[in-house]
Structures are given as C-alpha cells and as structure tokens.
C-alpha cells in the first residue's frame, strides 16, 4: 500500500513540493517520502485508536476536504512532521500538507472504488491500515450470520462493512470492530 500511496504523492507532489520555493530542492524526495509515510501511519493510528467510522466514511468516498476529520488529522500530523523533520515554517508545512493530503486520499479512494483499477482496492487498504486485526476475516466469517450483506450481493465484503459502518448506529459490526480495535 505504501508503494501505491508513494506513487500518488509523486503524481501530485510537483506543485505542492517540487515547485514550492519553501521546500529546498535537496529535500523534495525526503518530503515526498515523509508525506507517504505520514498518510499510511496516520491511517493505521486512527484505526488503532478506534476511529473506524471516520475511516469507513472516507473509504466510502465521503467528502475529502479539510472538513473531513481524517483529512484534518492527517494534515495536522504531516504539517507537524514536516516542520519538525525538515525545518519548514508552519505556513510552508501547512501548505504542503493541506494540498497533498486531500489530493492523495481522494485519488486513492477513487481508484480503490474503481473496478477498472487493478492494484487498488478497498480491502487492500483495510488490510494495510488494519494490521493483523483480522478485520476482513471477521467480516467475511461472521457477517453473513448477522445479516450484514448490506448490498444483497450474496457475500459479505468491504463494501458491506463500509455501508454498515457509515450508518448511524454501527450495529453489530460497529461493536465487533470496536472490540477488534480496542474500543
């Protein structure tokens, strides 16, 4: 997953990083690497902290702008990392993060939800950010027994999980995921 995120960072990093006078040219590659690493580690941290509903909303293709709590948290994290690790001013670091996070996440989620994009899929994202939580295994194994086939396609998969999680109550699946992620 880091490779896919890194490719998207390179794709969108031209204006926000490479052509940005606030980012010294000799740091361009390191800033891009930090951007990709911050996105992946930030998503993993959110899952570990139990922010499953926010992640599910993002994966379902919710608004991917500064008002999204996932985007805001990742932007704040990356901005702090860029200031601390590379000495970028607060304005420069915020500018890079504010430009890159929505673009990369929007493209990642768009590609993951597009069946014509092999190599990008929602279950890979969940497995990458969920670690060894067994999220997909639990959903597949127990979901059918509890009526979690949200889209009535005869199987319980990540599309059903995101549909169930984005509901107001979260129901059984919300409780199950809460237990898996320590909530």
Protein backbone atom coordinates (compact mmCIF):
# COMPACT_ATOMS: atom_id res chain seq x y z
CA UNK A 1 0.00 0.00 0.00
CA UNK A 2 2.88 2.37 0.74
CA UNK A 3 4.05 1.95 -2.86
CA UNK A 4 0.65 3.00 -4.18
CA UNK A 5 0.47 5.97 -1.84
CA UNK A 6 4.03 6.94 -2.77
CA UNK A 7 3.13 6.90 -6.47
CA UNK A 8 0.19 9.20 -5.80
CA UNK A 9 2.41 11.52 -3.75
CA UNK A 10 4.83 11.74 -6.68
CA UNK A 11 1.93 12.35 -9.04
CA UNK A 12 0.62 15.29 -7.01
CA UNK A 13 3.90 16.48 -5.49
CA UNK A 14 5.06 18.60 -8.42
CA UNK A 15 3.32 21.80 -7.48
CA UNK A 16 3.00 21.34 -3.73
CA UNK A 17 6.55 20.13 -3.13
CA UNK A 18 8.92 20.26 -6.11
CA UNK A 19 7.86 23.69 -7.42
CA UNK A 20 7.41 25.07 -3.90
CA UNK A 21 10.13 27.60 -3.07
CA UNK A 22 9.60 26.93 0.64
CA UNK A 23 10.82 23.35 0.20
CA UNK A 24 14.56 23.22 -0.59
CA UNK A 25 15.19 21.17 -3.75
CA UNK A 26 17.54 18.80 -1.93
CA UNK A 27 14.65 17.89 0.41
CA UNK A 28 11.99 17.26 -2.26
CA UNK A 29 12.33 13.48 -2.26
CA UNK A 30 12.54 13.24 1.53
CA UNK A 31 9.44 15.44 1.91
CA UNK A 32 7.56 13.23 -0.56
CA UNK A 33 8.63 10.10 1.34
CA UNK A 34 7.53 11.66 4.62
CA UNK A 35 4.17 12.55 3.06
CA UNK A 36 3.51 8.95 2.01
CA UNK A 37 4.71 7.53 5.32
CA UNK A 38 2.64 10.02 7.31
CA UNK A 39 -0.52 9.13 5.41
CA UNK A 40 -0.13 5.39 5.96
CA UNK A 41 1.00 5.63 9.60
CA UNK A 42 -1.71 8.19 10.33
CA UNK A 43 -4.42 5.91 8.95
CA UNK A 44 -3.04 2.99 10.97
CA UNK A 45 -3.03 5.11 14.13
CA UNK A 46 -6.64 6.14 13.55
CA UNK A 47 -7.74 2.52 13.21
CA UNK A 48 -5.77 1.58 16.34
CA UNK A 49 -7.49 4.42 18.21
CA UNK A 50 -10.90 3.15 17.11
CA UNK A 51 -11.79 5.86 14.58
CA UNK A 52 -13.42 3.19 12.43
CA UNK A 53 -16.47 5.27 11.49
CA UNK A 54 -14.31 8.12 10.17
CA UNK A 55 -12.18 5.70 8.15
CA UNK A 56 -15.28 3.92 6.81
CA UNK A 57 -16.76 7.25 5.73
CA UNK A 58 -13.55 8.09 3.93
CA UNK A 59 -13.37 4.68 2.22
CA UNK A 60 -16.94 5.01 1.08
CA UNK A 61 -15.97 8.17 -0.77
CA UNK A 62 -17.24 10.82 1.61
CA UNK A 63 -16.07 14.41 1.28
CA UNK A 64 -12.31 14.51 1.15
CA UNK A 65 -11.54 18.08 2.09
CA UNK A 66 -10.33 19.98 5.14
CA UNK A 67 -13.68 19.47 6.92
CA UNK A 68 -13.24 15.67 6.93
CA UNK A 69 -11.86 14.55 10.33
CA UNK A 70 -9.48 12.05 8.71
CA UNK A 71 -8.11 14.69 6.33
CA UNK A 72 -7.75 17.19 9.18
CA UNK A 73 -5.92 14.75 11.44
CA UNK A 74 -3.56 13.59 8.67
CA UNK A 75 -2.93 17.19 7.57
CA UNK A 76 -2.09 18.28 11.11
CA UNK A 77 0.21 15.26 11.58
CA UNK A 78 2.05 15.78 8.30
CA UNK A 79 2.37 19.51 8.88
CA UNK A 80 3.97 18.90 12.28
CA UNK A 81 6.29 16.24 10.86
CA UNK A 82 7.45 18.49 8.02
CA UNK A 83 8.18 21.35 10.40
CA UNK A 84 9.99 19.14 12.87
CA UNK A 85 11.99 16.95 10.45
CA UNK A 86 12.76 19.46 7.70
CA UNK A 87 12.58 22.82 9.43
CA UNK A 88 9.79 24.07 7.20
CA UNK A 89 7.92 27.10 8.51
CA UNK A 90 4.45 26.49 9.88
CA UNK A 91 2.89 28.15 6.82
CA UNK A 92 5.01 26.15 4.35
CA UNK A 93 4.38 22.85 6.14
CA UNK A 94 0.64 23.54 6.39
CA UNK A 95 0.54 24.49 2.72
CA UNK A 96 2.22 21.28 1.61
CA UNK A 97 0.08 19.11 3.89
CA UNK A 98 -3.14 20.94 3.06
CA UNK A 99 -2.52 20.49 -0.64
CA UNK A 100 -1.24 16.92 -0.64
CA UNK A 101 -3.50 15.07 1.82
CA UNK A 102 -6.86 15.70 0.12
CA UNK A 103 -5.44 15.03 -3.35
CA UNK A 104 -3.68 11.79 -2.41
CA UNK A 105 -6.58 10.45 -0.34
CA UNK A 106 -9.13 11.46 -2.97
CA UNK A 107 -7.20 9.70 -5.69
CA UNK A 108 -6.50 6.64 -3.53
CA UNK A 109 -10.16 6.22 -2.58
CA UNK A 110 -11.33 6.95 -6.12
CA UNK A 111 -9.00 4.31 -7.54
CA UNK A 112 -9.88 1.80 -4.81
CA UNK A 113 -13.57 2.15 -5.61
CA UNK A 114 -12.99 1.85 -9.36
CA UNK A 115 -13.18 -1.79 -10.54
CA UNK A 116 -11.07 -0.83 -13.58
CA UNK A 117 -8.05 -0.05 -11.37
CA UNK A 118 -6.30 -3.35 -10.63
CA UNK A 119 -3.83 -2.98 -7.78
CA UNK A 120 -6.09 -0.55 -5.92
CA UNK A 121 -8.94 -1.93 -3.87
CA UNK A 122 -10.65 -1.13 -0.61
CA UNK A 123 -9.83 -4.48 1.00
CA UNK A 124 -6.10 -3.89 0.40
CA UNK A 125 -6.39 -0.51 2.08
CA UNK A 126 -8.21 -2.02 5.05
CA UNK A 127 -5.68 -4.84 5.36
CA UNK A 128 -2.80 -2.34 5.19
CA UNK A 129 -4.17 0.01 7.80
CA UNK A 130 -5.83 -2.65 9.96
CA UNK A 131 -2.61 -4.60 10.50
CA UNK A 132 -3.24 -8.03 11.94
CA UNK A 133 -6.62 -7.07 13.32
CA UNK A 134 -8.39 -9.68 11.21
CA UNK A 135 -10.95 -7.12 10.12
CA UNK A 136 -11.67 -8.64 6.73
CA UNK A 137 -11.60 -12.19 8.11
CA UNK A 138 -14.08 -11.30 10.84
CA UNK A 139 -16.37 -9.54 8.42
CA UNK A 140 -16.31 -12.43 5.98
CA UNK A 141 -16.65 -15.18 8.58
CA UNK A 142 -19.36 -13.77 10.82
CA UNK A 143 -21.02 -11.09 8.77
CA UNK A 144 -23.38 -13.32 6.81
CA UNK A 145 -24.71 -14.87 10.01
CA UNK A 146 -25.80 -11.47 11.27
CA UNK A 147 -27.46 -10.08 8.15
CA UNK A 148 -24.58 -7.83 7.18
CA UNK A 149 -24.91 -8.34 3.44
CA UNK A 150 -25.80 -4.67 3.07
CA UNK A 151 -25.84 -4.63 -0.73
CA UNK A 152 -27.57 -8.03 -1.05
CA UNK A 153 -24.95 -9.46 -3.42
CA UNK A 154 -24.69 -12.79 -1.59
CA UNK A 155 -21.33 -12.13 0.06
CA UNK A 156 -20.08 -10.03 2.92
CA UNK A 157 -17.13 -7.91 1.88
CA UNK A 158 -15.62 -4.49 2.46
CA UNK A 159 -18.44 -2.77 0.59
CA UNK A 160 -20.86 -4.21 3.14
CA UNK A 161 -18.57 -3.22 6.01
CA UNK A 162 -18.32 0.39 4.89
CA UNK A 163 -22.07 0.53 4.32
CA UNK A 164 -22.75 -0.85 7.80
CA UNK A 165 -20.21 1.42 9.47
CA UNK A 166 -21.42 4.55 7.80
CA UNK A 167 -24.88 4.02 9.29
CA UNK A 168 -25.71 5.98 12.43
CA UNK A 169 -25.59 3.15 14.96
CA UNK A 170 -22.86 0.92 13.53
CA UNK A 171 -24.91 -2.04 14.79
CA UNK A 172 -23.26 -5.38 15.37
CA UNK A 173 -20.41 -4.64 13.00
CA UNK A 174 -19.60 -1.37 14.75
CA UNK A 175 -19.43 -3.25 18.05
CA UNK A 176 -17.33 -6.01 16.53
CA UNK A 177 -14.89 -3.53 15.00
CA UNK A 178 -14.79 -1.59 18.25
CA UNK A 179 -13.69 -4.77 20.05
CA UNK A 180 -11.15 -5.58 17.36
CA UNK A 181 -9.60 -2.15 17.64
CA UNK A 182 -9.79 -1.88 21.40
CA UNK A 183 -12.78 0.45 21.77
